[in-house]
Amino acid sequence: MLDKATDIDHVISELLEEERAAILGGDFKELPALTARKEAALAHLASTGGLTEGNGLRRLRDEIERNARMLKAASAGFRAVISRYSTLVKAGELKTYDAAGGRQALAQETARLQRKA
């Protein structure tokens, strides 16, 4: 097990880089496992007396804030997509562009109840 705060500092930094890569790659299903690993590493760090500004705390804080900004932006993007999709569905017609750049409507099948005799 790690004995020094500086060792755990590097482990946490690596976990934050893994988290960053997952966010950038859209691999959000990996985030809960990374969170659990970060929590364990932070608990170990707290048990060693923690970090001071001189041995990595500022860098870790910057990495954490960077990832938080990325997650916030991703969340805003998801909300925008959901809102736009909802608007398109309510409008009843989805428009897109063809290979020549012209607008075209995509046909949407309406749900029909099929009755069998």
PDB file of N, CA and C in Angstrom:
ATOM      1  N   MET A   1       0.846  -1.190   0.000  1.00  0.00           N
ATOM      2  CA  MET A   1       0.000   0.000   0.000  1.00  0.00           C
ATOM      3  C   MET A   1       0.882   1.240   0.000  1.00  0.00           C
ATOM      4  N   LEU A   2       0.339   2.321  -0.415  1.00  0.00           N
ATOM      5  CA  LEU A   2       1.099   3.558  -0.503  1.00  0.00           C
ATOM      6  C   LEU A   2       1.316   4.145   0.878  1.00  0.00           C
ATOM      7  N   ASP A   3       2.567   4.603   1.140  1.00  0.00           N
ATOM      8  CA  ASP A   3       2.896   5.136   2.454  1.00  0.00           C
ATOM      9  C   ASP A   3       3.003   6.649   2.478  1.00  0.00           C
ATOM     10  N   LYS A   4       3.203   7.280   1.351  1.00  0.00           N
ATOM     11  CA  LYS A   4       3.457   8.708   1.324  1.00  0.00           C
ATOM     12  C   LYS A   4       2.336   9.450   0.615  1.00  0.00           C
ATOM     13  N   ALA A   5       2.111  10.683   1.066  1.00  0.00           N
ATOM     14  CA  ALA A   5       1.112  11.531   0.424  1.00  0.00           C
ATOM     15  C   ALA A   5       1.476  11.796  -1.023  1.00  0.00           C
ATOM     16  N   THR A   6       2.765  11.903  -1.320  1.00  0.00           N
ATOM     17  CA  THR A   6       3.171  12.172  -2.694  1.00  0.00           C
ATOM     18  C   THR A   6       2.879  10.991  -3.605  1.00  0.00           C
ATOM     19  N   ASP A   7       2.983   9.777  -3.075  1.00  0.00           N
ATOM     20  CA  ASP A   7       2.643   8.599  -3.876  1.00  0.00           C
ATOM     21  C   ASP A   7       1.152   8.600  -4.208  1.00  0.00           C
ATOM     22  N   ILE A   8       0.330   8.863  -3.209  1.00  0.00           N
ATOM     23  CA  ILE A   8      -1.114   8.865  -3.439  1.00  0.00           C
ATOM     24  C   ILE A   8      -1.500  10.045  -4.321  1.00  0.00           C
ATOM     25  N   ASP A   9      -0.736  11.125  -4.239  1.00  0.00           N
ATOM     26  CA  ASP A   9      -0.939  12.274  -5.113  1.00  0.00           C
ATOM     27  C   ASP A   9      -0.842  11.839  -6.576  1.00  0.00           C
ATOM     28  N   HIS A  10       0.141  11.032  -6.894  1.00  0.00           N
ATOM     29  CA  HIS A  10       0.308  10.553  -8.273  1.00  0.00           C
ATOM     30  C   HIS A  10      -0.813   9.602  -8.675  1.00  0.00           C
ATOM     31  N   VAL A  11      -1.253   8.774  -7.754  1.00  0.00           N
ATOM     32  CA  VAL A  11      -2.359   7.861  -8.027  1.00  0.00           C
ATOM     33  C   VAL A  11      -3.630   8.658  -8.327  1.00  0.00           C
ATOM     34  N   ILE A  12      -3.908   9.667  -7.517  1.00  0.00           N
ATOM     35  CA  ILE A  12      -5.098  10.493  -7.731  1.00  0.00           C
ATOM     36  C   ILE A  12      -4.996  11.222  -9.058  1.00  0.00           C
ATOM     37  N   SER A  13      -3.827  11.738  -9.373  1.00  0.00           N
ATOM     38  CA  SER A  13      -3.621  12.429 -10.643  1.00  0.00           C
ATOM     39  C   SER A  13      -3.880  11.492 -11.825  1.00  0.00           C
ATOM     40  N   GLU A  14      -3.413  10.259 -11.719  1.00  0.00           N
ATOM     41  CA  GLU A  14      -3.657   9.273 -12.779  1.00  0.00           C
ATOM     42  C   GLU A  14      -5.152   8.969 -12.904  1.00  0.00           C
ATOM     43  N   LEU A  15      -5.834   8.859 -11.759  1.00  0.00           N
ATOM     44  CA  LEU A  15      -7.279   8.626 -11.787  1.00  0.00           C
ATOM     45  C   LEU A  15      -8.007   9.796 -12.447  1.00  0.00           C
ATOM     46  N   LEU A  16      -7.562  11.008 -12.162  1.00  0.00           N
ATOM     47  CA  LEU A  16      -8.178  12.183 -12.779  1.00  0.00           C
ATOM     48  C   LEU A  16      -7.926  12.203 -14.287  1.00  0.00           C
ATOM     49  N   GLU A  17      -6.770  11.734 -14.713  1.00  0.00           N
ATOM     50  CA  GLU A  17      -6.492  11.641 -16.153  1.00  0.00           C
ATOM     51  C   GLU A  17      -7.368  10.573 -16.803  1.00  0.00           C
ATOM     52  N   GLU A  18      -7.580   9.457 -16.106  1.00  0.00           N
ATOM     53  CA  GLU A  18      -8.491   8.417 -16.617  1.00  0.00           C
ATOM     54  C   GLU A  18      -9.900   8.979 -16.746  1.00  0.00           C
ATOM     55  N   GLU A  19     -10.317   9.751 -15.740  1.00  0.00           N
ATOM     56  CA  GLU A  19     -11.639  10.370 -15.769  1.00  0.00           C
ATOM     57  C   GLU A  19     -11.745  11.333 -16.949  1.00  0.00           C
ATOM     58  N   ARG A  20     -10.720  12.136 -17.156  1.00  0.00           N
ATOM     59  CA  ARG A  20     -10.685  13.082 -18.272  1.00  0.00           C
ATOM     60  C   ARG A  20     -10.830  12.341 -19.604  1.00  0.00           C
ATOM     61  N   ALA A  21     -10.073  11.263 -19.762  1.00  0.00           N
ATOM     62  CA  ALA A  21     -10.129  10.476 -20.995  1.00  0.00           C
ATOM     63  C   ALA A  21     -11.520   9.881 -21.201  1.00  0.00           C
ATOM     64  N   ALA A  22     -12.137   9.418 -20.121  1.00  0.00           N
ATOM     65  CA  ALA A  22     -13.490   8.854 -20.219  1.00  0.00           C
ATOM     66  C   ALA A  22     -14.493   9.925 -20.647  1.00  0.00           C
ATOM     67  N   ILE A  23     -14.364  11.114 -20.084  1.00  0.00           N
ATOM     68  CA  ILE A  23     -15.276  12.202 -20.439  1.00  0.00           C
ATOM     69  C   ILE A  23     -15.085  12.578 -21.904  1.00  0.00           C
ATOM     70  N   LEU A  24     -13.829  12.771 -22.311  1.00  0.00           N
ATOM     71  CA  LEU A  24     -13.548  13.151 -23.699  1.00  0.00           C
ATOM     72  C   LEU A  24     -13.987  12.070 -24.681  1.00  0.00           C
ATOM     73  N   GLY A  25     -13.870  10.820 -24.272  1.00  0.00           N
ATOM     74  CA  GLY A  25     -14.258   9.710 -25.136  1.00  0.00           C
ATOM     75  C   GLY A  25     -15.734   9.372 -25.064  1.00  0.00           C
ATOM     76  N   GLY A  26     -16.482  10.073 -24.216  1.00  0.00           N
ATOM     77  CA  GLY A  26     -17.906   9.798 -24.083  1.00  0.00           C
ATOM     78  C   GLY A  26     -18.195   8.481 -23.382  1.00  0.00           C
ATOM     79  N   ASP A  27     -17.243   7.982 -22.644  1.00  0.00           N
ATOM     80  CA  ASP A  27     -17.383   6.693 -21.964  1.00  0.00           C
ATOM     81  C   ASP A  27     -17.879   6.923 -20.536  1.00  0.00           C
ATOM     82  N   PHE A  28     -19.083   7.460 -20.429  1.00  0.00           N
ATOM     83  CA  PHE A  28     -19.624   7.879 -19.140  1.00  0.00           C
ATOM     84  C   PHE A  28     -19.947   6.716 -18.216  1.00  0.00           C
ATOM     85  N   LYS A  29     -20.080   5.523 -18.756  1.00  0.00           N
ATOM     86  CA  LYS A  29     -20.375   4.372 -17.897  1.00  0.00           C
ATOM     87  C   LYS A  29     -19.179   4.011 -17.012  1.00  0.00           C
ATOM     88  N   GLU A  30     -17.998   4.503 -17.345  1.00  0.00           N
ATOM     89  CA  GLU A  30     -16.803   4.252 -16.539  1.00  0.00           C
ATOM     90  C   GLU A  30     -16.707   5.174 -15.322  1.00  0.00           C
ATOM     91  N   LEU A  31     -17.455   6.263 -15.326  1.00  0.00           N
ATOM     92  CA  LEU A  31     -17.312   7.268 -14.277  1.00  0.00           C
ATOM     93  C   LEU A  31     -17.654   6.771 -12.864  1.00  0.00           C
ATOM     94  N   PRO A  32     -18.706   5.970 -12.670  1.00  0.00           N
ATOM     95  CA  PRO A  32     -18.981   5.505 -11.296  1.00  0.00           C
ATOM     96  C   PRO A  32     -17.821   4.699 -10.691  1.00  0.00           C
ATOM     97  N   ALA A  33     -17.201   3.834 -11.474  1.00  0.00           N
ATOM     98  CA  ALA A  33     -16.076   3.047 -10.958  1.00  0.00           C
ATOM     99  C   ALA A  33     -14.888   3.953 -10.652  1.00  0.00           C
ATOM    100  N   LEU A  34     -14.640   4.926 -11.516  1.00  0.00           N
ATOM    101  CA  LEU A  34     -13.557   5.874 -11.263  1.00  0.00           C
ATOM    102  C   LEU A  34     -13.824   6.693 -10.006  1.00  0.00           C
ATOM    103  N   THR A  35     -15.073   7.067  -9.799  1.00  0.00           N
ATOM    104  CA  THR A  35     -15.439   7.831  -8.607  1.00  0.00           C
ATOM    105  C   THR A  35     -15.147   7.025  -7.345  1.00  0.00           C
ATOM    106  N   ALA A  36     -15.494   5.765  -7.360  1.00  0.00           N
ATOM    107  CA  ALA A  36     -15.230   4.903  -6.196  1.00  0.00           C
ATOM    108  C   ALA A  36     -13.724   4.799  -5.938  1.00  0.00           C
ATOM    109  N   ARG A  37     -12.945   4.660  -6.992  1.00  0.00           N
ATOM    110  CA  ARG A  37     -11.488   4.580  -6.830  1.00  0.00           C
ATOM    111  C   ARG A  37     -10.910   5.903  -6.325  1.00  0.00           C
ATOM    112  N   LYS A  38     -11.432   7.018  -6.831  1.00  0.00           N
ATOM    113  CA  LYS A  38     -10.972   8.332  -6.354  1.00  0.00           C
ATOM    114  C   LYS A  38     -11.306   8.521  -4.882  1.00  0.00           C
ATOM    115  N   GLU A  39     -12.515   8.131  -4.479  1.00  0.00           N
ATOM    116  CA  GLU A  39     -12.911   8.271  -3.074  1.00  0.00           C
ATOM    117  C   GLU A  39     -11.990   7.461  -2.164  1.00  0.00           C
ATOM    118  N   ALA A  40     -11.646   6.244  -2.586  1.00  0.00           N
ATOM    119  CA  ALA A  40     -10.738   5.415  -1.787  1.00  0.00           C
ATOM    120  C   ALA A  40      -9.359   6.058  -1.701  1.00  0.00           C
ATOM    121  N   ALA A  41      -8.870   6.591  -2.803  1.00  0.00           N
ATOM    122  CA  ALA A  41      -7.553   7.232  -2.807  1.00  0.00           C
ATOM    123  C   ALA A  41      -7.561   8.488  -1.948  1.00  0.00           C
ATOM    124  N   LEU A  42      -8.636   9.266  -2.013  1.00  0.00           N
ATOM    125  CA  LEU A  42      -8.730  10.475  -1.193  1.00  0.00           C
ATOM    126  C   LEU A  42      -8.828  10.132   0.290  1.00  0.00           C
ATOM    127  N   ALA A  43      -9.518   9.053   0.623  1.00  0.00           N
ATOM    128  CA  ALA A  43      -9.587   8.614   2.023  1.00  0.00           C
ATOM    129  C   ALA A  43      -8.199   8.213   2.514  1.00  0.00           C
ATOM    130  N   HIS A  44      -7.454   7.529   1.654  1.00  0.00           N
ATOM    131  CA  HIS A  44      -6.088   7.140   2.025  1.00  0.00           C
ATOM    132  C   HIS A  44      -5.219   8.386   2.190  1.00  0.00           C
ATOM    133  N   LEU A  45      -5.395   9.350   1.314  1.00  0.00           N
ATOM    134  CA  LEU A  45      -4.642  10.600   1.406  1.00  0.00           C
ATOM    135  C   LEU A  45      -4.937  11.316   2.726  1.00  0.00           C
ATOM    136  N   ALA A  46      -6.220  11.347   3.094  1.00  0.00           N
ATOM    137  CA  ALA A  46      -6.603  11.999   4.350  1.00  0.00           C
ATOM    138  C   ALA A  46      -5.970  11.291   5.544  1.00  0.00           C
ATOM    139  N   SER A  47      -5.857   9.972   5.462  1.00  0.00           N
ATOM    140  CA  SER A  47      -5.273   9.225   6.577  1.00  0.00           C
ATOM    141  C   SER A  47      -3.763   9.442   6.703  1.00  0.00           C
ATOM    142  N   THR A  48      -3.126   9.924   5.637  1.00  0.00           N
ATOM    143  CA  THR A  48      -1.674  10.188   5.684  1.00  0.00           C
ATOM    144  C   THR A  48      -1.364  11.614   6.097  1.00  0.00           C
ATOM    145  N   GLY A  49      -2.393  12.400   6.332  1.00  0.00           N
ATOM    146  CA  GLY A  49      -2.170  13.788   6.722  1.00  0.00           C
ATOM    147  C   GLY A  49      -2.420  14.777   5.611  1.00  0.00           C
ATOM    148  N   GLY A  50      -2.729  14.294   4.436  1.00  0.00           N
ATOM    149  CA  GLY A  50      -3.076  15.178   3.335  1.00  0.00           C
ATOM    150  C   GLY A  50      -1.883  15.788   2.643  1.00  0.00           C
ATOM    151  N   LEU A  51      -2.185  16.723   1.767  1.00  0.00           N
ATOM    152  CA  LEU A  51      -1.175  17.416   0.979  1.00  0.00           C
ATOM    153  C   LEU A  51      -1.093  18.875   1.397  1.00  0.00           C
ATOM    154  N   THR A  52       0.008  19.479   1.086  1.00  0.00           N
ATOM    155  CA  THR A  52       0.139  20.923   1.253  1.00  0.00           C
ATOM    156  C   THR A  52       0.259  21.536  -0.132  1.00  0.00           C
ATOM    157  N   GLU A  53       0.166  22.847  -0.209  1.00  0.00           N
ATOM    158  CA  GLU A  53       0.275  23.529  -1.500  1.00  0.00           C
ATOM    159  C   GLU A  53       1.572  23.148  -2.211  1.00  0.00           C
ATOM    160  N   GLY A  54       2.642  22.948  -1.458  1.00  0.00           N
ATOM    161  CA  GLY A  54       3.940  22.674  -2.059  1.00  0.00           C
ATOM    162  C   GLY A  54       4.061  21.300  -2.680  1.00  0.00           C
ATOM    163  N   ASN A  55       3.262  20.322  -2.267  1.00  0.00           N
ATOM    164  CA  ASN A  55       3.450  18.975  -2.807  1.00  0.00           C
ATOM    165  C   ASN A  55       2.259  18.462  -3.601  1.00  0.00           C
ATOM    166  N   GLY A  56       1.623  19.325  -4.356  1.00  0.00           N
ATOM    167  CA  GLY A  56       0.664  18.825  -5.325  1.00  0.00           C
ATOM    168  C   GLY A  56      -0.781  19.197  -5.146  1.00  0.00           C
ATOM    169  N   LEU A  57      -1.138  19.810  -4.034  1.00  0.00           N
ATOM    170  CA  LEU A  57      -2.549  20.107  -3.810  1.00  0.00           C
ATOM    171  C   LEU A  57      -3.107  21.040  -4.882  1.00  0.00           C
ATOM    172  N   ARG A  58      -2.362  22.060  -5.234  1.00  0.00           N
ATOM    173  CA  ARG A  58      -2.828  23.011  -6.250  1.00  0.00           C
ATOM    174  C   ARG A  58      -3.043  22.313  -7.598  1.00  0.00           C
ATOM    175  N   ARG A  59      -2.099  21.462  -7.992  1.00  0.00           N
ATOM    176  CA  ARG A  59      -2.227  20.742  -9.265  1.00  0.00           C
ATOM    177  C   ARG A  59      -3.455  19.833  -9.262  1.00  0.00           C
ATOM    178  N   LEU A  60      -3.657  19.112  -8.156  1.00  0.00           N
ATOM    179  CA  LEU A  60      -4.826  18.236  -8.066  1.00  0.00           C
ATOM    180  C   LEU A  60      -6.121  19.047  -8.126  1.00  0.00           C
ATOM    181  N   ARG A  61      -6.142  20.177  -7.434  1.00  0.00           N
ATOM    182  CA  ARG A  61      -7.328  21.023  -7.453  1.00  0.00           C
ATOM    183  C   ARG A  61      -7.620  21.495  -8.881  1.00  0.00           C
ATOM    184  N   ASP A  62      -6.575  21.879  -9.609  1.00  0.00           N
ATOM    185  CA  ASP A  62      -6.747  22.314 -10.995  1.00  0.00           C
ATOM    186  C   ASP A  62      -7.292  21.183 -11.869  1.00  0.00           C
ATOM    187  N   GLU A  63      -6.778  19.971 -11.669  1.00  0.00           N
ATOM    188  CA  GLU A  63      -7.249  18.817 -12.448  1.00  0.00           C
ATOM    189  C   GLU A  63      -8.702  18.499 -12.115  1.00  0.00           C
ATOM    190  N   ILE A  64      -9.052  18.579 -10.845  1.00  0.00           N
ATOM    191  CA  ILE A  64     -10.430  18.317 -10.417  1.00  0.00           C
ATOM    192  C   ILE A  64     -11.368  19.354 -11.009  1.00  0.00           C
ATOM    193  N   GLU A  65     -10.974  20.615 -10.958  1.00  0.00           N
ATOM    194  CA  GLU A  65     -11.813  21.684 -11.513  1.00  0.00           C
ATOM    195  C   GLU A  65     -11.955  21.550 -13.027  1.00  0.00           C
ATOM    196  N   ARG A  66     -10.890  21.146 -13.716  1.00  0.00           N
ATOM    197  CA  ARG A  66     -10.943  20.920 -15.164  1.00  0.00           C
ATOM    198  C   ARG A  66     -11.980  19.838 -15.488  1.00  0.00           C
ATOM    199  N   ASN A  67     -11.910  18.720 -14.769  1.00  0.00           N
ATOM    200  CA  ASN A  67     -12.856  17.636 -15.026  1.00  0.00           C
ATOM    201  C   ASN A  67     -14.286  18.061 -14.698  1.00  0.00           C
ATOM    202  N   ALA A  68     -14.454  18.842 -13.643  1.00  0.00           N
ATOM    203  CA  ALA A  68     -15.789  19.320 -13.273  1.00  0.00           C
ATOM    204  C   ALA A  68     -16.358  20.213 -14.375  1.00  0.00           C
ATOM    205  N   ARG A  69     -15.524  21.077 -14.952  1.00  0.00           N
ATOM    206  CA  ARG A  69     -15.985  21.925 -16.067  1.00  0.00           C
ATOM    207  C   ARG A  69     -16.380  21.076 -17.263  1.00  0.00           C
ATOM    208  N   MET A  70     -15.603  20.040 -17.535  1.00  0.00           N
ATOM    209  CA  MET A  70     -15.911  19.160 -18.668  1.00  0.00           C
ATOM    210  C   MET A  70     -17.229  18.425 -18.440  1.00  0.00           C
ATOM    211  N   LEU A  71     -17.443  17.939 -17.219  1.00  0.00           N
ATOM    212  CA  LEU A  71     -18.699  17.250 -16.910  1.00  0.00           C
ATOM    213  C   LEU A  71     -19.893  18.196 -16.999  1.00  0.00           C
ATOM    214  N   LYS A  72     -19.701  19.423 -16.558  1.00  0.00           N
ATOM    215  CA  LYS A  72     -20.763  20.413 -16.639  1.00  0.00           C
ATOM    216  C   LYS A  72     -21.110  20.700 -18.100  1.00  0.00           C
ATOM    217  N   ALA A  73     -20.102  20.825 -18.948  1.00  0.00           N
ATOM    218  CA  ALA A  73     -20.331  21.074 -20.370  1.00  0.00           C
ATOM    219  C   ALA A  73     -21.025  19.877 -21.031  1.00  0.00           C
ATOM    220  N   ALA A  74     -20.607  18.675 -20.681  1.00  0.00           N
ATOM    221  CA  ALA A  74     -21.242  17.483 -21.237  1.00  0.00           C
ATOM    222  C   ALA A  74     -22.705  17.409 -20.824  1.00  0.00           C
ATOM    223  N   SER A  75     -22.972  17.721 -19.572  1.00  0.00           N
ATOM    224  CA  SER A  75     -24.344  17.718 -19.065  1.00  0.00           C
ATOM    225  C   SER A  75     -25.198  18.744 -19.808  1.00  0.00           C
ATOM    226  N   ALA A  76     -24.643  19.927 -20.032  1.00  0.00           N
ATOM    227  CA  ALA A  76     -25.374  20.956 -20.782  1.00  0.00           C
ATOM    228  C   ALA A  76     -25.640  20.483 -22.200  1.00  0.00           C
ATOM    229  N   GLY A  77     -24.684  19.792 -22.797  1.00  0.00           N
ATOM    230  CA  GLY A  77     -24.869  19.245 -24.142  1.00  0.00           C
ATOM    231  C   GLY A  77     -25.980  18.208 -24.188  1.00  0.00           C
ATOM    232  N   PHE A  78     -26.017  17.337 -23.192  1.00  0.00           N
ATOM    233  CA  PHE A  78     -27.082  16.334 -23.133  1.00  0.00           C
ATOM    234  C   PHE A  78     -28.447  17.004 -23.020  1.00  0.00           C
ATOM    235  N   ARG A  79     -28.534  18.014 -22.158  1.00  0.00           N
ATOM    236  CA  ARG A  79     -29.811  18.721 -21.993  1.00  0.00           C
ATOM    237  C   ARG A  79     -30.231  19.410 -23.283  1.00  0.00           C
ATOM    238  N   ALA A  80     -29.266  19.980 -24.015  1.00  0.00           N
ATOM    239  CA  ALA A  80     -29.581  20.649 -25.282  1.00  0.00           C
ATOM    240  C   ALA A  80     -30.090  19.653 -26.312  1.00  0.00           C
ATOM    241  N   VAL A  81     -29.476  18.487 -26.374  1.00  0.00           N
ATOM    242  CA  VAL A  81     -29.916  17.459 -27.321  1.00  0.00           C
ATOM    243  C   VAL A  81     -31.322  16.983 -26.974  1.00  0.00           C
ATOM    244  N   ILE A  82     -31.575  16.749 -25.705  1.00  0.00           N
ATOM    245  CA  ILE A  82     -32.901  16.297 -25.277  1.00  0.00           C
ATOM    246  C   ILE A  82     -33.951  17.349 -25.612  1.00  0.00           C
ATOM    247  N   SER A  83     -33.627  18.590 -25.355  1.00  0.00           N
ATOM    248  CA  SER A  83     -34.562  19.679 -25.651  1.00  0.00           C
ATOM    249  C   SER A  83     -34.828  19.782 -27.146  1.00  0.00           C
ATOM    250  N   ARG A  84     -33.774  19.729 -27.937  1.00  0.00           N
ATOM    251  CA  ARG A  84     -33.931  19.845 -29.404  1.00  0.00           C
ATOM    252  C   ARG A  84     -34.720  18.663 -29.957  1.00  0.00           C
ATOM    253  N   TYR A  85     -34.409  17.476 -29.503  1.00  0.00           N
ATOM    254  CA  TYR A  85     -35.123  16.287 -29.971  1.00  0.00           C
ATOM    255  C   TYR A  85     -36.600  16.385 -29.608  1.00  0.00           C
ATOM    256  N   SER A  86     -36.886  16.826 -28.397  1.00  0.00           N
ATOM    257  CA  SER A  86     -38.268  16.989 -27.969  1.00  0.00           C
ATOM    258  C   SER A  86     -38.999  17.979 -28.859  1.00  0.00           C
ATOM    259  N   THR A  87     -38.338  19.081 -29.201  1.00  0.00           N
ATOM    260  CA  THR A  87     -38.926  20.081 -30.083  1.00  0.00           C
ATOM    261  C   THR A  87     -39.223  19.485 -31.454  1.00  0.00           C
ATOM    262  N   LEU A  88     -38.288  18.704 -31.972  1.00  0.00           N
ATOM    263  CA  LEU A  88     -38.474  18.093 -33.288  1.00  0.00           C
ATOM    264  C   LEU A  88     -39.612  17.078 -33.280  1.00  0.00           C
ATOM    265  N   VAL A  89     -39.693  16.297 -32.225  1.00  0.00           N
ATOM    266  CA  VAL A  89     -40.757  15.301 -32.136  1.00  0.00           C
ATOM    267  C   VAL A  89     -42.119  15.985 -32.054  1.00  0.00           C
ATOM    268  N   LYS A  90     -42.198  17.053 -31.261  1.00  0.00           N
ATOM    269  CA  LYS A  90     -43.457  17.778 -31.131  1.00  0.00           C
ATOM    270  C   LYS A  90     -43.857  18.437 -32.441  1.00  0.00           C
ATOM    271  N   ALA A  91     -42.890  18.859 -33.230  1.00  0.00           N
ATOM    272  CA  ALA A  91     -43.182  19.495 -34.507  1.00  0.00           C
ATOM    273  C   ALA A  91     -43.718  18.485 -35.514  1.00  0.00           C
ATOM    274  N   GLY A  92     -43.437  17.233 -35.303  1.00  0.00           N
ATOM    275  CA  GLY A  92     -43.964  16.187 -36.168  1.00  0.00           C
ATOM    276  C   GLY A  92     -43.171  15.960 -37.435  1.00  0.00           C
ATOM    277  N   GLU A  93     -42.136  16.722 -37.634  1.00  0.00           N
ATOM    278  CA  GLU A  93     -41.347  16.552 -38.847  1.00  0.00           C
ATOM    279  C   GLU A  93     -39.880  16.806 -38.524  1.00  0.00           C
ATOM    280  N   LEU A  94     -39.063  15.891 -38.960  1.00  0.00           N
ATOM    281  CA  LEU A  94     -37.635  16.023 -38.750  1.00  0.00           C
ATOM    282  C   LEU A  94     -37.010  16.380 -40.084  1.00  0.00           C
ATOM    283  N   LYS A  95     -36.262  17.487 -40.100  1.00  0.00           N
ATOM    284  CA  LYS A  95     -35.620  17.924 -41.335  1.00  0.00           C
ATOM    285  C   LYS A  95     -34.116  17.718 -41.218  1.00  0.00           C
ATOM    286  N   THR A  96     -33.540  17.370 -42.338  1.00  0.00           N
ATOM    287  CA  THR A  96     -32.096  17.152 -42.399  1.00  0.00           C
ATOM    288  C   THR A  96     -31.609  17.670 -43.741  1.00  0.00           C
ATOM    289  N   TYR A  97     -30.360  17.438 -44.040  1.00  0.00           N
ATOM    290  CA  TYR A  97     -29.783  17.897 -45.294  1.00  0.00           C
ATOM    291  C   TYR A  97     -29.327  16.703 -46.109  1.00  0.00           C
ATOM    292  N   ASP A  98     -29.531  16.792 -47.428  1.00  0.00           N
ATOM    293  CA  ASP A  98     -29.075  15.715 -48.304  1.00  0.00           C
ATOM    294  C   ASP A  98     -27.617  15.960 -48.685  1.00  0.00           C
ATOM    295  N   ALA A  99     -27.069  15.082 -49.527  1.00  0.00           N
ATOM    296  CA  ALA A  99     -25.662  15.167 -49.911  1.00  0.00           C
ATOM    297  C   ALA A  99     -25.342  16.458 -50.658  1.00  0.00           C
ATOM    298  N   ALA A 100     -26.325  17.022 -51.349  1.00  0.00           N
ATOM    299  CA  ALA A 100     -26.116  18.265 -52.098  1.00  0.00           C
ATOM    300  C   ALA A 100     -26.307  19.501 -51.225  1.00  0.00           C
ATOM    301  N   GLY A 101     -26.701  19.323 -49.979  1.00  0.00           N
ATOM    302  CA  GLY A 101     -26.885  20.452 -49.077  1.00  0.00           C
ATOM    303  C   GLY A 101     -28.306  20.979 -49.028  1.00  0.00           C
ATOM    304  N   GLY A 102     -29.218  20.326 -49.730  1.00  0.00           N
ATOM    305  CA  GLY A 102     -30.612  20.758 -49.712  1.00  0.00           C
ATOM    306  C   GLY A 102     -31.356  20.182 -48.518  1.00  0.00           C
ATOM    307  N   ARG A 103     -32.308  20.950 -47.993  1.00  0.00           N
ATOM    308  CA  ARG A 103     -33.105  20.471 -46.851  1.00  0.00           C
ATOM    309  C   ARG A 103     -34.109  19.446 -47.333  1.00  0.00           C
ATOM    310  N   GLN A 104     -34.323  18.479 -46.523  1.00  0.00           N
ATOM    311  CA  GLN A 104     -35.342  17.477 -46.813  1.00  0.00           C
ATOM    312  C   GLN A 104     -35.951  16.998 -45.521  1.00  0.00           C
ATOM    313  N   ALA A 105     -37.207  16.649 -45.597  1.00  0.00           N
ATOM    314  CA  ALA A 105     -37.912  16.142 -44.419  1.00  0.00           C
ATOM    315  C   ALA A 105     -37.779  14.628 -44.386  1.00  0.00           C
ATOM    316  N   LEU A 106     -37.519  14.125 -43.215  1.00  0.00           N
ATOM    317  CA  LEU A 106     -37.494  12.679 -43.037  1.00  0.00           C
ATOM    318  C   LEU A 106     -38.898  12.228 -42.688  1.00  0.00           C
ATOM    319  N   ALA A 107     -39.366  11.252 -43.403  1.00  0.00           N
ATOM    320  CA  ALA A 107     -40.714  10.744 -43.137  1.00  0.00           C
ATOM    321  C   ALA A 107     -40.717   9.995 -41.808  1.00  0.00           C
ATOM    322  N   GLN A 108     -41.729  10.281 -41.027  1.00  0.00           N
ATOM    323  CA  GLN A 108     -41.898   9.567 -39.767  1.00  0.00           C
ATOM    324  C   GLN A 108     -43.177   8.771 -39.853  1.00  0.00           C
ATOM    325  N   GLU A 109     -43.057   7.525 -39.530  1.00  0.00           N
ATOM    326  CA  GLU A 109     -44.244   6.687 -39.536  1.00  0.00           C
ATOM    327  C   GLU A 109     -45.061   6.989 -38.293  1.00  0.00           C
ATOM    328  N   THR A 110     -46.340   7.091 -38.487  1.00  0.00           N
ATOM    329  CA  THR A 110     -47.209   7.297 -37.335  1.00  0.00           C
ATOM    330  C   THR A 110     -47.565   5.938 -36.757  1.00  0.00           C
ATOM    331  N   ALA A 111     -47.722   5.912 -35.482  1.00  0.00           N
ATOM    332  CA  ALA A 111     -48.081   4.662 -34.822  1.00  0.00           C
ATOM    333  C   ALA A 111     -49.516   4.317 -35.177  1.00  0.00           C
ATOM    334  N   ARG A 112     -49.716   3.113 -35.606  1.00  0.00           N
ATOM    335  CA  ARG A 112     -51.055   2.660 -35.959  1.00  0.00           C
ATOM    336  C   ARG A 112     -51.395   1.420 -35.171  1.00  0.00           C
ATOM    337  N   LEU A 113     -52.639   1.335 -34.833  1.00  0.00           N
ATOM    338  CA  LEU A 113     -53.132   0.156 -34.157  1.00  0.00           C
ATOM    339  C   LEU A 113     -53.561  -0.836 -35.226  1.00  0.00           C
ATOM    340  N   GLN A 114     -52.969  -1.988 -35.184  1.00  0.00           N
ATOM    341  CA  GLN A 114     -53.311  -2.999 -36.174  1.00  0.00           C
ATOM    342  C   GLN A 114     -54.285  -3.980 -35.544  1.00  0.00           C
ATOM    343  N   ARG A 115     -55.424  -4.119 -36.201  1.00  0.00           N
ATOM    344  CA  ARG A 115     -56.438  -5.028 -35.683  1.00  0.00           C
ATOM    345  C   ARG A 115     -56.489  -6.270 -36.528  1.00  0.00           C
ATOM    346  N   LYS A 116     -56.556  -7.372 -35.853  1.00  0.00           N
ATOM    347  CA  LYS A 116     -56.653  -8.658 -36.565  1.00  0.00           C
ATOM    348  C   LYS A 116     -58.008  -9.260 -36.302  1.00  0.00           C
ATOM    349  N   ALA A 117     -58.523  -9.863 -37.346  1.00  0.00           N
ATOM    350  CA  ALA A 117     -59.841 -10.461 -37.228  1.00  0.00           C
ATOM    351  C   ALA A 117     -59.791 -11.786 -36.558  1.00  0.00           C
TER     352      ALA A 117
END
